[in-house]
């Protein structure tokens, strides 16, 4: 059974076993799709419980759990987009709204795909400096400030149907910032969508739909890399359990986020992120947590 590093990949989750990975699957699933940084929580929870860091490979593979949750929750949107855009290609109707949205999704994916491939050796390396708690804590605070500004300055009037290719490009570049641990893919893209004037609920919906290819590519790429990590039957079964638990948790997280954004605002996430970042930086400074 693999543990720690294998072929340069951090696969610490294997040594945690089924029970601990199930717990971390819940944490990963909930935090992956909320704008609060799953990476931060996947460092904090094991550290506070005295468990081994599950590693970046685990977090990346869990993207497939997020994918399952997003597709199932927004199934009507996804089905309309796929059927509509393919129909438009057959008819050569390139002015069709579904085809335009499909192109927008592709445009939004390019930045994070390029940067993700470029930074992969650093992000997934054992003991990567980018996964330090100081980096994660600082990122949490910066994103809390940006999300707060989006709440204060944005007009919150536009809906997804009014989105343009320029909107997709802007959200796509901001989404790429999520490669920095602590930023959060949903947090960065949601913040960008709010700044662009979308209503809170449609900003969340737009963020999730534009992120589908990025989530898919990240998860599949990590599974491909894990083929060379000699996980063994037990390692793959542990990962499978984590994926299942995370998928269910992620679906509940989307439901909760949409309710909060519809009835309230992003302020609960602003406050939580700021407090989380402050806690991390303070805990490291005082030696409570190891950077």
Protein backbone atom coordinates (compact mmCIF):
# COMPACT_ATOMS: atom_id res chain seq x y z
CA UNK A 1 0.00 0.00 0.00
CA UNK A 2 1.31 3.43 -0.94
CA UNK A 3 1.72 6.19 1.56
CA UNK A 4 3.32 9.63 1.64
CA UNK A 5 5.05 10.26 -1.68
CA UNK A 6 4.87 7.94 -4.66
CA UNK A 7 6.52 8.86 -7.95
CA UNK A 8 6.63 12.47 -6.81
CA UNK A 9 2.92 12.60 -5.94
CA UNK A 10 1.68 13.31 -2.44
CA UNK A 11 -0.67 10.40 -1.71
CA UNK A 12 -0.84 10.67 2.07
CA UNK A 13 -4.55 9.87 2.04
CA UNK A 14 -3.85 6.15 1.57
CA UNK A 15 -2.26 5.79 5.01
CA UNK A 16 -5.30 7.43 6.65
CA UNK A 17 -7.59 4.50 5.97
CA UNK A 18 -11.31 4.35 5.23
CA UNK A 19 -12.75 6.05 8.31
CA UNK A 20 -10.55 9.13 8.23
CA UNK A 21 -10.86 9.50 4.46
CA UNK A 22 -14.66 9.34 4.80
CA UNK A 23 -14.51 12.21 7.29
CA UNK A 24 -12.21 14.19 5.00
CA UNK A 25 -14.51 13.37 2.08
CA UNK A 26 -17.31 15.19 3.88
CA UNK A 27 -15.02 18.16 4.57
CA UNK A 28 -13.74 18.21 0.99
CA UNK A 29 -17.21 17.86 -0.52
CA UNK A 30 -18.72 20.69 1.52
CA UNK A 31 -15.82 23.12 1.18
CA UNK A 32 -14.99 22.38 -2.48
CA UNK A 33 -18.12 24.12 -3.78
CA UNK A 34 -18.53 26.77 -1.10
CA UNK A 35 -16.40 29.92 -1.50
CA UNK A 36 -14.32 29.12 1.59
CA UNK A 37 -11.33 27.14 0.21
CA UNK A 38 -11.29 23.37 0.39
CA UNK A 39 -7.47 23.40 0.45
CA UNK A 40 -7.46 25.40 3.66
CA UNK A 41 -9.79 22.97 5.37
CA UNK A 42 -7.92 19.92 4.10
CA UNK A 43 -4.82 21.29 5.81
CA UNK A 44 -6.52 22.48 8.99
CA UNK A 45 -8.78 19.52 9.84
CA UNK A 46 -6.05 16.83 9.65
CA UNK A 47 -3.63 19.10 11.52
CA UNK A 48 -6.08 19.75 14.37
CA UNK A 49 -6.99 16.05 14.59
CA UNK A 50 -3.36 14.96 14.47
CA UNK A 51 -3.81 13.17 11.13
CA UNK A 52 -1.45 13.06 8.18
CA UNK A 53 -2.02 15.61 5.41
CA UNK A 54 -4.03 13.71 2.73
CA UNK A 55 -2.02 15.49 0.04
CA UNK A 56 -2.83 17.60 -2.98
CA UNK A 57 -3.51 14.53 -5.13
CA UNK A 58 -6.51 13.68 -2.94
CA UNK A 59 -7.92 17.20 -3.20
CA UNK A 60 -7.49 17.26 -6.97
CA UNK A 61 -9.08 13.84 -7.47
CA UNK A 62 -12.03 14.99 -5.36
CA UNK A 63 -12.84 17.41 -8.17
CA UNK A 64 -14.73 14.51 -9.74
CA UNK A 65 -17.02 14.45 -6.70
CA UNK A 66 -17.67 18.15 -7.22
CA UNK A 67 -18.36 17.45 -10.90
CA UNK A 68 -20.99 14.84 -10.07
CA UNK A 69 -22.68 17.23 -7.64
CA UNK A 70 -22.71 20.21 -10.03
CA UNK A 71 -24.00 18.18 -12.99
CA UNK A 72 -26.77 16.57 -10.95
CA UNK A 73 -27.86 19.82 -9.29
CA UNK A 74 -27.82 21.83 -12.53
CA UNK A 75 -28.90 18.93 -14.73
CA UNK A 76 -31.57 20.94 -16.56
CA UNK A 77 -29.00 23.63 -17.46
CA UNK A 78 -26.33 21.10 -18.45
CA UNK A 79 -28.73 19.06 -20.58
CA UNK A 80 -30.06 22.15 -22.37
CA UNK A 81 -26.54 23.40 -22.98
CA UNK A 82 -25.27 20.11 -24.42
CA UNK A 83 -28.34 19.34 -26.55
CA UNK A 84 -28.80 22.95 -27.66
CA UNK A 85 -25.18 23.57 -28.63
CA UNK A 86 -24.86 20.27 -30.52
CA UNK A 87 -28.10 21.01 -32.34
CA UNK A 88 -26.80 24.46 -33.24
CA UNK A 89 -23.62 22.93 -34.71
CA UNK A 90 -25.68 20.53 -36.82
CA UNK A 91 -27.84 23.43 -38.05
CA UNK A 92 -24.74 25.67 -38.40
CA UNK A 93 -26.60 28.21 -36.30
CA UNK A 94 -23.61 29.79 -34.59
CA UNK A 95 -25.73 32.63 -33.26
CA UNK A 96 -27.67 30.18 -31.08
CA UNK A 97 -27.56 31.13 -27.38
CA UNK A 98 -26.60 27.63 -26.25
CA UNK A 99 -23.73 27.49 -28.74
CA UNK A 100 -22.50 30.89 -27.58
CA UNK A 101 -22.63 29.76 -23.97
CA UNK A 102 -20.65 26.62 -24.86
CA UNK A 103 -17.98 28.78 -26.50
CA UNK A 104 -17.96 31.00 -23.41
CA UNK A 105 -17.29 27.96 -21.22
CA UNK A 106 -14.36 26.99 -23.43
CA UNK A 107 -12.94 30.52 -23.23
CA UNK A 108 -13.28 30.52 -19.44
CA UNK A 109 -11.39 27.21 -19.20
CA UNK A 110 -8.31 28.17 -21.22
CA UNK A 111 -6.51 30.23 -18.52
CA UNK A 112 -6.81 27.66 -15.73
CA UNK A 113 -5.96 24.79 -18.11
CA UNK A 114 -2.72 26.44 -19.24
CA UNK A 115 -1.66 27.58 -15.78
CA UNK A 116 -2.74 24.30 -14.21
CA UNK A 117 -0.49 22.28 -16.52
CA UNK A 118 2.36 24.74 -15.99
CA UNK A 119 2.16 24.73 -12.19
CA UNK A 120 1.24 21.05 -11.73
CA UNK A 121 4.80 19.93 -10.84
CA UNK A 122 4.89 22.51 -8.02
CA UNK A 123 1.30 22.16 -6.81
CA UNK A 124 1.34 18.36 -6.59
CA UNK A 125 4.88 17.95 -5.30
CA UNK A 126 5.42 16.52 -1.85
CA UNK A 127 5.89 19.38 0.60
CA UNK A 128 4.90 22.00 -1.97
CA UNK A 129 5.61 25.52 -0.62
CA UNK A 130 2.32 26.70 -2.12
CA UNK A 131 0.45 24.49 0.36
CA UNK A 132 1.98 26.25 3.37
CA UNK A 133 -0.51 27.53 5.93
CA UNK A 134 0.85 31.07 5.61
CA UNK A 135 0.06 31.09 1.88
CA UNK A 136 -3.39 29.61 2.49
CA UNK A 137 -4.17 32.01 5.35
CA UNK A 138 -3.07 35.05 3.37
CA UNK A 139 -5.13 33.93 0.37
CA UNK A 140 -8.21 33.49 2.57
CA UNK A 141 -7.94 37.06 3.86
CA UNK A 142 -7.32 38.58 0.42
CA UNK A 143 -10.33 36.76 -1.04
CA UNK A 144 -12.48 37.81 1.93
CA UNK A 145 -11.64 41.44 1.17
CA UNK A 146 -12.40 41.04 -2.55
CA UNK A 147 -15.68 39.25 -1.88
CA UNK A 148 -16.67 42.01 0.56
CA UNK A 149 -15.91 44.66 -2.06
CA UNK A 150 -18.03 42.75 -4.58
CA UNK A 151 -20.93 42.78 -2.14
CA UNK A 152 -20.57 46.53 -1.48
CA UNK A 153 -19.78 47.81 -4.98
CA UNK A 154 -21.62 45.45 -7.34
CA UNK A 155 -25.14 46.20 -8.61
CA UNK A 156 -26.47 42.59 -8.59
CA UNK A 157 -28.92 43.03 -11.47
CA UNK A 158 -27.78 40.82 -14.36
CA UNK A 159 -28.80 37.20 -15.02
CA UNK A 160 -26.91 34.36 -16.71
CA UNK A 161 -28.87 34.79 -19.94
CA UNK A 162 -27.31 38.26 -20.31
CA UNK A 163 -23.73 36.99 -20.02
CA UNK A 164 -21.25 37.81 -22.80
CA UNK A 165 -17.99 36.24 -23.94
CA UNK A 166 -16.16 39.06 -22.17
CA UNK A 167 -17.81 38.01 -18.91
CA UNK A 168 -16.59 34.45 -19.46
CA UNK A 169 -13.03 35.60 -20.15
CA UNK A 170 -12.94 37.71 -16.98
CA UNK A 171 -14.39 34.94 -14.81
CA UNK A 172 -12.01 32.46 -16.48
CA UNK A 173 -8.91 34.46 -15.60
CA UNK A 174 -10.14 34.90 -12.03
CA UNK A 175 -10.93 31.20 -11.83
CA UNK A 176 -7.28 30.48 -12.66
CA UNK A 177 -6.33 32.25 -9.44
CA UNK A 178 -7.78 29.25 -7.60
CA UNK A 179 -4.58 27.37 -8.40
CA UNK A 180 -3.14 29.26 -5.43
CA UNK A 181 -4.22 27.25 -2.36
CA UNK A 182 -6.64 29.20 -0.20
CA UNK A 183 -8.17 31.21 -3.05
CA UNK A 184 -10.98 28.71 -3.89
CA UNK A 185 -12.24 28.12 -7.44
CA UNK A 186 -15.84 28.81 -6.51
CA UNK A 187 -14.77 31.80 -4.42
CA UNK A 188 -12.71 33.46 -7.14
CA UNK A 189 -15.22 32.86 -9.95
CA UNK A 190 -18.18 33.83 -7.76
CA UNK A 191 -16.44 37.06 -6.72
CA UNK A 192 -15.69 37.90 -10.36
CA UNK A 193 -19.31 37.24 -11.38
CA UNK A 194 -20.57 39.49 -8.58
CA UNK A 195 -18.21 42.28 -9.69
CA UNK A 196 -19.64 41.90 -13.21
CA UNK A 197 -23.07 42.77 -11.83
CA UNK A 198 -24.81 39.40 -11.74
CA UNK A 199 -27.44 38.75 -9.09
CA UNK A 200 -26.09 36.71 -6.21
CA UNK A 201 -27.93 33.54 -7.20
CA UNK A 202 -27.04 33.83 -10.90
CA UNK A 203 -23.42 34.64 -10.03
CA UNK A 204 -23.23 31.29 -8.23
CA UNK A 205 -24.99 29.47 -11.08
CA UNK A 206 -22.72 31.12 -13.69
CA UNK A 207 -19.66 30.25 -11.63
CA UNK A 208 -20.57 26.57 -11.44
CA UNK A 209 -21.51 26.20 -15.11
CA UNK A 210 -18.35 27.91 -16.36
CA UNK A 211 -16.27 25.77 -14.04
CA UNK A 212 -17.51 22.39 -15.30
CA UNK A 213 -14.63 21.73 -17.75
CA UNK A 214 -12.02 22.94 -15.25
CA UNK A 215 -13.42 20.66 -12.55
CA UNK A 216 -13.57 17.74 -15.00
CA UNK A 217 -10.05 18.21 -16.36
CA UNK A 218 -8.52 18.60 -12.89
CA UNK A 219 -10.13 15.41 -11.62
CA UNK A 220 -9.36 13.29 -14.68
CA UNK A 221 -5.79 14.55 -14.86
CA UNK A 222 -5.20 13.58 -11.25
CA UNK A 223 -6.70 10.13 -11.75
CA UNK A 224 -4.36 9.68 -14.73
CA UNK A 225 -1.37 10.71 -12.60
CA UNK A 226 -2.44 8.39 -9.79
CA UNK A 227 -2.17 5.45 -12.19
CA UNK A 228 1.58 5.71 -11.72
CA UNK A 229 1.44 6.04 -7.93
CA UNK A 230 1.16 2.32 -7.18
CA UNK A 231 -1.90 2.78 -4.97
CA UNK A 232 -2.98 -0.84 -5.10
CA UNK A 233 -6.50 -2.17 -4.63
CA UNK A 234 -6.82 -0.79 -1.11
CA UNK A 235 -5.58 2.65 -2.13
CA UNK A 236 -8.08 2.90 -4.98
CA UNK A 237 -10.94 1.67 -2.79
CA UNK A 238 -10.08 4.27 -0.15
CA UNK A 239 -10.11 6.95 -2.84
CA UNK A 240 -13.42 5.61 -4.15
CA UNK A 241 -15.01 5.90 -0.72
CA UNK A 242 -13.78 9.47 -0.44
CA UNK A 243 -15.28 10.30 -3.85
CA UNK A 244 -18.66 8.85 -2.93
CA UNK A 245 -18.90 10.67 0.39
CA UNK A 246 -17.61 13.91 -1.13
CA UNK A 247 -20.18 13.75 -3.97
CA UNK A 248 -23.10 13.58 -1.55
CA UNK A 249 -21.62 16.32 0.64
CA UNK A 250 -20.93 18.55 -2.36
CA UNK A 251 -24.55 18.31 -3.55
CA UNK A 252 -25.76 19.45 -0.13
CA UNK A 253 -23.17 22.26 -0.22
CA UNK A 254 -24.50 23.57 -3.56
CA UNK A 255 -28.04 23.50 -2.24
CA UNK A 256 -26.97 25.45 0.84
CA UNK A 257 -24.97 27.99 -1.15
CA UNK A 258 -27.85 28.68 -3.53
CA UNK A 259 -30.22 29.20 -0.59
CA UNK A 260 -27.83 31.59 1.15
CA UNK A 261 -27.15 33.59 -2.02
CA UNK A 262 -30.87 33.74 -2.85
CA UNK A 263 -32.12 34.80 0.57
CA UNK A 264 -29.17 36.62 2.10
CA UNK A 265 -25.78 37.59 0.62
CA UNK A 266 -22.14 36.51 0.50
CA UNK A 267 -21.36 38.21 3.82
CA UNK A 268 -21.43 34.97 5.87
CA UNK A 269 -18.63 33.65 3.63
CA UNK A 270 -16.71 36.94 3.87
CA UNK A 271 -16.72 36.79 7.65
CA UNK A 272 -15.85 33.10 7.74
CA UNK A 273 -12.95 33.46 5.29
CA UNK A 274 -11.48 36.43 7.14
CA UNK A 275 -11.71 34.60 10.47
CA UNK A 276 -10.23 31.45 8.95
CA UNK A 277 -7.29 33.31 7.44
CA UNK A 278 -6.60 35.17 10.67
CA UNK A 279 -6.75 31.93 12.65
CA UNK A 280 -4.27 30.21 10.32
CA UNK A 281 -1.72 33.03 10.39
CA UNK A 282 -2.02 33.37 14.16
CA UNK A 283 -1.80 29.61 14.76
CA UNK A 284 1.37 29.38 12.67
CA UNK A 285 2.93 32.40 14.37
CA UNK A 286 2.22 30.93 17.82
CA UNK A 287 3.41 27.46 16.84
CA UNK A 288 -0.01 25.88 17.30
CA UNK A 289 0.04 24.65 13.71
CA UNK A 290 3.12 23.74 11.68
CA UNK A 291 3.46 25.73 8.48
